[in-house]
């Protein structure tokens, strides 16, 4: 049974990891906290020089303004929406 189910599980994992689409969508105003870095077009807020670790990743409460745009994305913390 394992020999039969292994290829099916591998195919399902591959399809899940490759799921990506693009369309116009709107991000509502949001205040939250999660690990992020600047330069990803979602986290462009100010920091005092030297405040961010050398690897660029950091976490703190931050806000996102309302934006409407199109770009390829997979379901993640910023892209939860109905189709």
PDB file of N, CA and C in Angstrom:
ATOM      1  N   UNK A   1       0.823  -1.194   0.000  1.00  0.00           N
ATOM      2  CA  UNK A   1       0.000   0.000   0.000  1.00  0.00           C
ATOM      3  C   UNK A   1       0.874   1.268   0.000  1.00  0.00           C
ATOM      4  N   UNK A   2       1.980   1.227   0.744  1.00  0.00           N
ATOM      5  CA  UNK A   2       2.875   2.381   0.824  1.00  0.00           C
ATOM      6  C   UNK A   2       3.444   2.720  -0.555  1.00  0.00           C
ATOM      7  N   UNK A   3       3.800   1.712  -1.326  1.00  0.00           N
ATOM      8  CA  UNK A   3       4.374   1.917  -2.665  1.00  0.00           C
ATOM      9  C   UNK A   3       3.377   2.643  -3.568  1.00  0.00           C
ATOM     10  N   UNK A   4       2.104   2.359  -3.409  1.00  0.00           N
ATOM     11  CA  UNK A   4       1.078   3.009  -4.228  1.00  0.00           C
ATOM     12  C   UNK A   4       0.825   4.442  -3.739  1.00  0.00           C
ATOM     13  N   UNK A   5       0.798   4.652  -2.428  1.00  0.00           N
ATOM     14  CA  UNK A   5       0.444   5.972  -1.894  1.00  0.00           C
ATOM     15  C   UNK A   5       1.601   6.976  -1.962  1.00  0.00           C
ATOM     16  N   UNK A   6       2.841   6.518  -1.979  1.00  0.00           N
ATOM     17  CA  UNK A   6       3.985   7.432  -1.995  1.00  0.00           C
ATOM     18  C   UNK A   6       3.981   8.361  -3.212  1.00  0.00           C
ATOM     19  N   UNK A   7       3.809   7.866  -4.436  1.00  0.00           N
ATOM     20  CA  UNK A   7       3.779   8.792  -5.583  1.00  0.00           C
ATOM     21  C   UNK A   7       2.622   9.794  -5.508  1.00  0.00           C
ATOM     22  N   UNK A   8       1.489   9.371  -4.970  1.00  0.00           N
ATOM     23  CA  UNK A   8       0.344  10.271  -4.827  1.00  0.00           C
ATOM     24  C   UNK A   8       0.674  11.371  -3.823  1.00  0.00           C
ATOM     25  N   UNK A   9       1.301  11.034  -2.709  1.00  0.00           N
ATOM     26  CA  UNK A   9       1.679  12.034  -1.705  1.00  0.00           C
ATOM     27  C   UNK A   9       2.726  12.995  -2.270  1.00  0.00           C
ATOM     28  N   UNK A  10       3.683  12.491  -3.025  1.00  0.00           N
ATOM     29  CA  UNK A  10       4.708  13.343  -3.639  1.00  0.00           C
ATOM     30  C   UNK A  10       4.062  14.299  -4.639  1.00  0.00           C
ATOM     31  N   UNK A  11       3.152  13.801  -5.470  1.00  0.00           N
ATOM     32  CA  UNK A  11       2.469  14.652  -6.451  1.00  0.00           C
ATOM     33  C   UNK A  11       1.648  15.733  -5.749  1.00  0.00           C
ATOM     34  N   UNK A  12       0.938  15.383  -4.692  1.00  0.00           N
ATOM     35  CA  UNK A  12       0.145  16.354  -3.946  1.00  0.00           C
ATOM     36  C   UNK A  12       1.011  17.429  -3.324  1.00  0.00           C
ATOM     37  N   UNK A  13       2.139  17.044  -2.755  1.00  0.00           N
ATOM     38  CA  UNK A  13       3.067  18.011  -2.160  1.00  0.00           C
ATOM     39  C   UNK A  13       3.626  18.934  -3.226  1.00  0.00           C
ATOM     40  N   UNK A  14       4.004  18.393  -4.361  1.00  0.00           N
ATOM     41  CA  UNK A  14       4.532  19.200  -5.468  1.00  0.00           C
ATOM     42  C   UNK A  14       3.500  20.228  -5.930  1.00  0.00           C
ATOM     43  N   UNK A  15       2.262  19.798  -6.139  1.00  0.00           N
ATOM     44  CA  UNK A  15       1.215  20.714  -6.600  1.00  0.00           C
ATOM     45  C   UNK A  15       0.930  21.792  -5.562  1.00  0.00           C
ATOM     46  N   UNK A  16       0.921  21.453  -4.302  1.00  0.00           N
ATOM     47  CA  UNK A  16       0.683  22.424  -3.240  1.00  0.00           C
ATOM     48  C   UNK A  16       1.788  23.477  -3.195  1.00  0.00           C
ATOM     49  N   UNK A  17       3.032  23.057  -3.325  1.00  0.00           N
ATOM     50  CA  UNK A  17       4.152  23.991  -3.263  1.00  0.00           C
ATOM     51  C   UNK A  17       4.243  24.868  -4.510  1.00  0.00           C
ATOM     52  N   UNK A  18       3.735  24.402  -5.633  1.00  0.00           N
ATOM     53  CA  UNK A  18       3.798  25.159  -6.881  1.00  0.00           C
ATOM     54  C   UNK A  18       2.580  26.054  -7.094  1.00  0.00           C
ATOM     55  N   UNK A  19       1.570  25.996  -6.217  1.00  0.00           N
ATOM     56  CA  UNK A  19       0.348  26.783  -6.376  1.00  0.00           C
ATOM     57  C   UNK A  19       0.682  28.258  -6.286  1.00  0.00           C
ATOM     58  N   UNK A  20       0.439  28.980  -7.368  1.00  0.00           N
ATOM     59  CA  UNK A  20       0.690  30.414  -7.436  1.00  0.00           C
ATOM     60  C   UNK A  20      -0.194  30.998  -8.527  1.00  0.00           C
ATOM     61  N   UNK A  21      -0.706  32.184  -8.282  1.00  0.00           N
ATOM     62  CA  UNK A  21      -1.537  32.834  -9.287  1.00  0.00           C
ATOM     63  C   UNK A  21      -1.392  34.339  -9.140  1.00  0.00           C
ATOM     64  N   UNK A  22      -1.919  35.083 -10.103  1.00  0.00           N
ATOM     65  CA  UNK A  22      -1.839  36.538 -10.077  1.00  0.00           C
ATOM     66  C   UNK A  22      -3.172  37.124 -10.518  1.00  0.00           C
ATOM     67  N   UNK A  23      -3.589  38.162  -9.853  1.00  0.00           N
ATOM     68  CA  UNK A  23      -4.769  38.926 -10.224  1.00  0.00           C
ATOM     69  C   UNK A  23      -4.787  40.192  -9.384  1.00  0.00           C
ATOM     70  N   UNK A  24      -5.620  41.152  -9.761  1.00  0.00           N
ATOM     71  CA  UNK A  24      -5.755  42.372  -8.971  1.00  0.00           C
ATOM     72  C   UNK A  24      -6.373  42.008  -7.628  1.00  0.00           C
ATOM     73  N   UNK A  25      -5.795  42.525  -6.581  1.00  0.00           N
ATOM     74  CA  UNK A  25      -6.371  42.315  -5.268  1.00  0.00           C
ATOM     75  C   UNK A  25      -6.061  43.498  -4.366  1.00  0.00           C
ATOM     76  N   UNK A  26      -6.853  43.630  -3.338  1.00  0.00           N
ATOM     77  CA  UNK A  26      -6.748  44.771  -2.440  1.00  0.00           C
ATOM     78  C   UNK A  26      -6.341  44.291  -1.054  1.00  0.00           C
ATOM     79  N   UNK A  27      -5.344  44.939  -0.493  1.00  0.00           N
ATOM     80  CA  UNK A  27      -4.941  44.694   0.885  1.00  0.00           C
ATOM     81  C   UNK A  27      -5.581  45.789   1.736  1.00  0.00           C
ATOM     82  N   UNK A  28      -6.422  45.428   2.672  1.00  0.00           N
ATOM     83  CA  UNK A  28      -7.057  46.394   3.568  1.00  0.00           C
ATOM     84  C   UNK A  28      -6.031  46.896   4.584  1.00  0.00           C
ATOM     85  N   UNK A  29      -6.344  48.007   5.228  1.00  0.00           N
ATOM     86  CA  UNK A  29      -5.482  48.531   6.295  1.00  0.00           C
ATOM     87  C   UNK A  29      -5.346  47.452   7.360  1.00  0.00           C
ATOM     88  N   UNK A  30      -4.133  47.252   7.840  1.00  0.00           N
ATOM     89  CA  UNK A  30      -3.865  46.171   8.782  1.00  0.00           C
ATOM     90  C   UNK A  30      -2.737  46.564   9.721  1.00  0.00           C
ATOM     91  N   UNK A  31      -2.920  46.286  11.012  1.00  0.00           N
ATOM     92  CA  UNK A  31      -1.852  46.425  11.990  1.00  0.00           C
ATOM     93  C   UNK A  31      -1.636  45.043  12.579  1.00  0.00           C
ATOM     94  N   UNK A  32      -0.408  44.536  12.493  1.00  0.00           N
ATOM     95  CA  UNK A  32      -0.100  43.215  13.029  1.00  0.00           C
ATOM     96  C   UNK A  32       1.398  43.107  13.282  1.00  0.00           C
ATOM     97  N   UNK A  33       1.815  41.955  13.772  1.00  0.00           N
ATOM     98  CA  UNK A  33       3.233  41.710  14.032  1.00  0.00           C
ATOM     99  C   UNK A  33       3.612  40.349  13.489  1.00  0.00           C
ATOM    100  N   UNK A  34       4.698  40.305  12.771  1.00  0.00           N
ATOM    101  CA  UNK A  34       5.276  39.044  12.308  1.00  0.00           C
ATOM    102  C   UNK A  34       6.698  39.311  11.843  1.00  0.00           C
ATOM    103  N   UNK A  35       7.478  38.264  11.693  1.00  0.00           N
ATOM    104  CA  UNK A  35       8.856  38.384  11.216  1.00  0.00           C
ATOM    105  C   UNK A  35       8.830  38.828   9.764  1.00  0.00           C
ATOM    106  N   UNK A  36       9.590  39.853   9.417  1.00  0.00           N
ATOM    107  CA  UNK A  36       9.594  40.376   8.056  1.00  0.00           C
ATOM    108  C   UNK A  36      10.920  41.052   7.756  1.00  0.00           C
ATOM    109  N   UNK A  37      11.098  41.419   6.503  1.00  0.00           N
ATOM    110  CA  UNK A  37      12.264  42.188   6.084  1.00  0.00           C
ATOM    111  C   UNK A  37      11.794  43.277   5.133  1.00  0.00           C
ATOM    112  N   UNK A  38      12.600  44.267   4.943  1.00  0.00           N
ATOM    113  CA  UNK A  38      12.255  45.364   4.041  1.00  0.00           C
ATOM    114  C   UNK A  38      12.736  45.010   2.636  1.00  0.00           C
ATOM    115  N   UNK A  39      12.084  45.548   1.638  1.00  0.00           N
ATOM    116  CA  UNK A  39      12.466  45.253   0.262  1.00  0.00           C
ATOM    117  C   UNK A  39      11.543  44.259  -0.397  1.00  0.00           C
ATOM    118  N   UNK A  40      10.470  43.852   0.284  1.00  0.00           N
ATOM    119  CA  UNK A  40       9.533  42.910  -0.323  1.00  0.00           C
ATOM    120  C   UNK A  40       8.265  43.596  -0.833  1.00  0.00           C
ATOM    121  N   UNK A  41       8.295  44.932  -0.907  1.00  0.00           N
ATOM    122  CA  UNK A  41       7.173  45.755  -1.370  1.00  0.00           C
ATOM    123  C   UNK A  41       5.951  45.722  -0.458  1.00  0.00           C
ATOM    124  N   UNK A  42       6.068  45.149   0.725  1.00  0.00           N
ATOM    125  CA  UNK A  42       4.989  45.165   1.709  1.00  0.00           C
ATOM    126  C   UNK A  42       5.431  45.810   3.014  1.00  0.00           C
ATOM    127  N   UNK A  43       6.709  45.863   3.266  1.00  0.00           N
ATOM    128  CA  UNK A  43       7.218  46.311   4.565  1.00  0.00           C
ATOM    129  C   UNK A  43       8.207  47.453   4.402  1.00  0.00           C
ATOM    130  N   UNK A  44       7.717  48.563   3.926  1.00  0.00           N
ATOM    131  CA  UNK A  44       8.563  49.724   3.680  1.00  0.00           C
ATOM    132  C   UNK A  44       8.303  50.785   4.740  1.00  0.00           C
ATOM    133  N   UNK A  45       8.685  50.518   5.976  1.00  0.00           N
ATOM    134  CA  UNK A  45       8.523  51.493   7.035  1.00  0.00           C
ATOM    135  C   UNK A  45       9.889  51.881   7.598  1.00  0.00           C
ATOM    136  N   UNK A  46       9.920  52.970   8.308  1.00  0.00           N
ATOM    137  CA  UNK A  46      11.180  53.557   8.764  1.00  0.00           C
ATOM    138  C   UNK A  46      11.713  52.889  10.022  1.00  0.00           C
ATOM    139  N   UNK A  47      13.024  52.774  10.091  1.00  0.00           N
ATOM    140  CA  UNK A  47      13.739  52.332  11.296  1.00  0.00           C
ATOM    141  C   UNK A  47      14.925  53.249  11.522  1.00  0.00           C
ATOM    142  N   UNK A  48      15.274  53.431  12.766  1.00  0.00           N
ATOM    143  CA  UNK A  48      16.477  54.180  13.113  1.00  0.00           C
ATOM    144  C   UNK A  48      17.672  53.385  12.586  1.00  0.00           C
ATOM    145  N   UNK A  49      18.656  54.025  11.942  1.00  0.00           N
ATOM    146  CA  UNK A  49      19.826  53.289  11.449  1.00  0.00           C
ATOM    147  C   UNK A  49      20.452  52.431  12.552  1.00  0.00           C
ATOM    148  N   UNK A  50      20.762  51.189  12.212  1.00  0.00           N
ATOM    149  CA  UNK A  50      21.352  50.251  13.159  1.00  0.00           C
ATOM    150  C   UNK A  50      20.335  49.461  13.965  1.00  0.00           C
ATOM    151  N   UNK A  51      19.053  49.748  13.797  1.00  0.00           N
ATOM    152  CA  UNK A  51      17.999  49.079  14.560  1.00  0.00           C
ATOM    153  C   UNK A  51      17.673  47.688  14.017  1.00  0.00           C
ATOM    154  N   UNK A  52      17.904  47.472  12.726  1.00  0.00           N
ATOM    155  CA  UNK A  52      17.577  46.195  12.096  1.00  0.00           C
ATOM    156  C   UNK A  52      18.800  45.285  12.126  1.00  0.00           C
ATOM    157  N   UNK A  53      18.633  43.998  12.471  1.00  0.00           N
ATOM    158  CA  UNK A  53      19.761  43.066  12.449  1.00  0.00           C
ATOM    159  C   UNK A  53      20.394  42.976  11.063  1.00  0.00           C
ATOM    160  N   UNK A  54      21.634  42.526  10.993  1.00  0.00           N
ATOM    161  CA  UNK A  54      22.367  42.461   9.719  1.00  0.00           C
ATOM    162  C   UNK A  54      21.663  41.609   8.668  1.00  0.00           C
ATOM    163  N   UNK A  55      20.963  40.538   9.074  1.00  0.00           N
ATOM    164  CA  UNK A  55      20.276  39.701   8.082  1.00  0.00           C
ATOM    165  C   UNK A  55      18.986  40.342   7.579  1.00  0.00           C
ATOM    166  N   UNK A  56      18.567  41.461   8.186  1.00  0.00           N
ATOM    167  CA  UNK A  56      17.399  42.190   7.720  1.00  0.00           C
ATOM    168  C   UNK A  56      16.078  41.745   8.307  1.00  0.00           C
ATOM    169  N   UNK A  57      15.998  40.532   8.856  1.00  0.00           N
ATOM    170  CA  UNK A  57      14.746  40.032   9.408  1.00  0.00           C
ATOM    171  C   UNK A  57      14.553  40.541  10.827  1.00  0.00           C
ATOM    172  N   UNK A  58      13.347  40.982  11.116  1.00  0.00           N
ATOM    173  CA  UNK A  58      13.023  41.481  12.441  1.00  0.00           C
ATOM    174  C   UNK A  58      11.505  41.392  12.637  1.00  0.00           C
ATOM    175  N   UNK A  59      11.048  41.579  13.871  1.00  0.00           N
ATOM    176  CA  UNK A  59       9.633  41.494  14.174  1.00  0.00           C
ATOM    177  C   UNK A  59       9.246  42.621  15.122  1.00  0.00           C
ATOM    178  N   UNK A  60       8.148  43.267  14.834  1.00  0.00           N
ATOM    179  CA  UNK A  60       7.582  44.307  15.687  1.00  0.00           C
ATOM    180  C   UNK A  60       6.195  44.632  15.156  1.00  0.00           C
ATOM    181  N   UNK A  61       5.329  45.229  15.968  1.00  0.00           N
ATOM    182  CA  UNK A  61       4.030  45.659  15.442  1.00  0.00           C
ATOM    183  C   UNK A  61       4.254  46.697  14.337  1.00  0.00           C
ATOM    184  N   UNK A  62       3.552  46.554  13.240  1.00  0.00           N
ATOM    185  CA  UNK A  62       3.664  47.500  12.134  1.00  0.00           C
ATOM    186  C   UNK A  62       2.339  47.557  11.386  1.00  0.00           C
ATOM    187  N   UNK A  63       2.167  48.599  10.596  1.00  0.00           N
ATOM    188  CA  UNK A  63       0.920  48.775   9.873  1.00  0.00           C
ATOM    189  C   UNK A  63       1.151  48.737   8.370  1.00  0.00           C
ATOM    190  N   UNK A  64       0.112  48.315   7.678  1.00  0.00           N
ATOM    191  CA  UNK A  64       0.097  48.297   6.217  1.00  0.00           C
ATOM    192  C   UNK A  64      -1.042  49.200   5.771  1.00  0.00           C
ATOM    193  N   UNK A  65      -0.767  50.136   4.881  1.00  0.00           N
ATOM    194  CA  UNK A  65      -1.811  50.978   4.306  1.00  0.00           C
ATOM    195  C   UNK A  65      -2.614  50.179   3.293  1.00  0.00           C
ATOM    196  N   UNK A  66      -3.758  50.696   2.910  1.00  0.00           N
ATOM    197  CA  UNK A  66      -4.576  50.071   1.876  1.00  0.00           C
ATOM    198  C   UNK A  66      -3.841  50.192   0.547  1.00  0.00           C
ATOM    199  N   UNK A  67      -3.684  49.075  -0.144  1.00  0.00           N
ATOM    200  CA  UNK A  67      -3.098  49.104  -1.487  1.00  0.00           C
ATOM    201  C   UNK A  67      -3.862  48.137  -2.380  1.00  0.00           C
ATOM    202  N   UNK A  68      -3.892  48.430  -3.653  1.00  0.00           N
ATOM    203  CA  UNK A  68      -4.497  47.543  -4.645  1.00  0.00           C
ATOM    204  C   UNK A  68      -3.463  47.329  -5.736  1.00  0.00           C
ATOM    205  N   UNK A  69      -3.144  46.085  -6.013  1.00  0.00           N
ATOM    206  CA  UNK A  69      -2.109  45.787  -6.998  1.00  0.00           C
ATOM    207  C   UNK A  69      -2.254  44.364  -7.500  1.00  0.00           C
ATOM    208  N   UNK A  70      -1.395  44.019  -8.442  1.00  0.00           N
ATOM    209  CA  UNK A  70      -1.373  42.665  -9.005  1.00  0.00           C
ATOM    210  C   UNK A  70       0.054  42.157  -8.973  1.00  0.00           C
ATOM    211  N   UNK A  71       0.226  40.948  -8.498  1.00  0.00           N
ATOM    212  CA  UNK A  71       1.517  40.281  -8.557  1.00  0.00           C
ATOM    213  C   UNK A  71       1.292  38.799  -8.297  1.00  0.00           C
ATOM    214  N   UNK A  72       2.193  37.954  -8.761  1.00  0.00           N
ATOM    215  CA  UNK A  72       2.057  36.518  -8.486  1.00  0.00           C
ATOM    216  C   UNK A  72       2.175  36.278  -6.985  1.00  0.00           C
ATOM    217  N   UNK A  73       1.335  35.393  -6.450  1.00  0.00           N
ATOM    218  CA  UNK A  73       1.421  35.071  -5.033  1.00  0.00           C
ATOM    219  C   UNK A  73       0.825  33.703  -4.764  1.00  0.00           C
ATOM    220  N   UNK A  74       1.241  33.149  -3.664  1.00  0.00           N
ATOM    221  CA  UNK A  74       0.655  31.929  -3.130  1.00  0.00           C
ATOM    222  C   UNK A  74      -0.094  32.328  -1.864  1.00  0.00           C
ATOM    223  N   UNK A  75      -0.993  31.507  -1.369  1.00  0.00           N
ATOM    224  CA  UNK A  75      -1.673  31.861  -0.125  1.00  0.00           C
ATOM    225  C   UNK A  75      -0.657  32.042   1.007  1.00  0.00           C
ATOM    226  N   UNK A  76      -0.705  33.191   1.666  1.00  0.00           N
ATOM    227  CA  UNK A  76       0.163  33.452   2.803  1.00  0.00           C
ATOM    228  C   UNK A  76      -0.505  34.459   3.718  1.00  0.00           C
ATOM    229  N   UNK A  77       0.194  34.959   4.693  1.00  0.00           N
ATOM    230  CA  UNK A  77      -0.394  35.868   5.679  1.00  0.00           C
ATOM    231  C   UNK A  77      -0.961  37.131   5.051  1.00  0.00           C
ATOM    232  N   UNK A  78      -0.443  37.563   3.900  1.00  0.00           N
ATOM    233  CA  UNK A  78      -0.906  38.775   3.246  1.00  0.00           C
ATOM    234  C   UNK A  78      -1.896  38.518   2.129  1.00  0.00           C
ATOM    235  N   UNK A  79      -2.122  37.273   1.750  1.00  0.00           N
ATOM    236  CA  UNK A  79      -2.955  36.966   0.579  1.00  0.00           C
ATOM    237  C   UNK A  79      -4.023  35.933   0.907  1.00  0.00           C
ATOM    238  N   UNK A  80      -4.881  36.285   1.827  1.00  0.00           N
ATOM    239  CA  UNK A  80      -6.017  35.425   2.161  1.00  0.00           C
ATOM    240  C   UNK A  80      -7.255  36.103   1.614  1.00  0.00           C
ATOM    241  N   UNK A  81      -7.806  35.569   0.537  1.00  0.00           N
ATOM    242  CA  UNK A  81      -8.954  36.178  -0.096  1.00  0.00           C
ATOM    243  C   UNK A  81      -9.750  35.119  -0.860  1.00  0.00           C
ATOM    244  N   UNK A  82     -10.996  35.436  -1.110  1.00  0.00           N
ATOM    245  CA  UNK A  82     -11.856  34.527  -1.880  1.00  0.00           C
ATOM    246  C   UNK A  82     -11.697  34.821  -3.366  1.00  0.00           C
ATOM    247  N   UNK A  83     -12.037  33.846  -4.181  1.00  0.00           N
ATOM    248  CA  UNK A  83     -12.006  34.037  -5.643  1.00  0.00           C
ATOM    249  C   UNK A  83     -13.408  33.895  -6.172  1.00  0.00           C
TER     250      UNK A  83
END
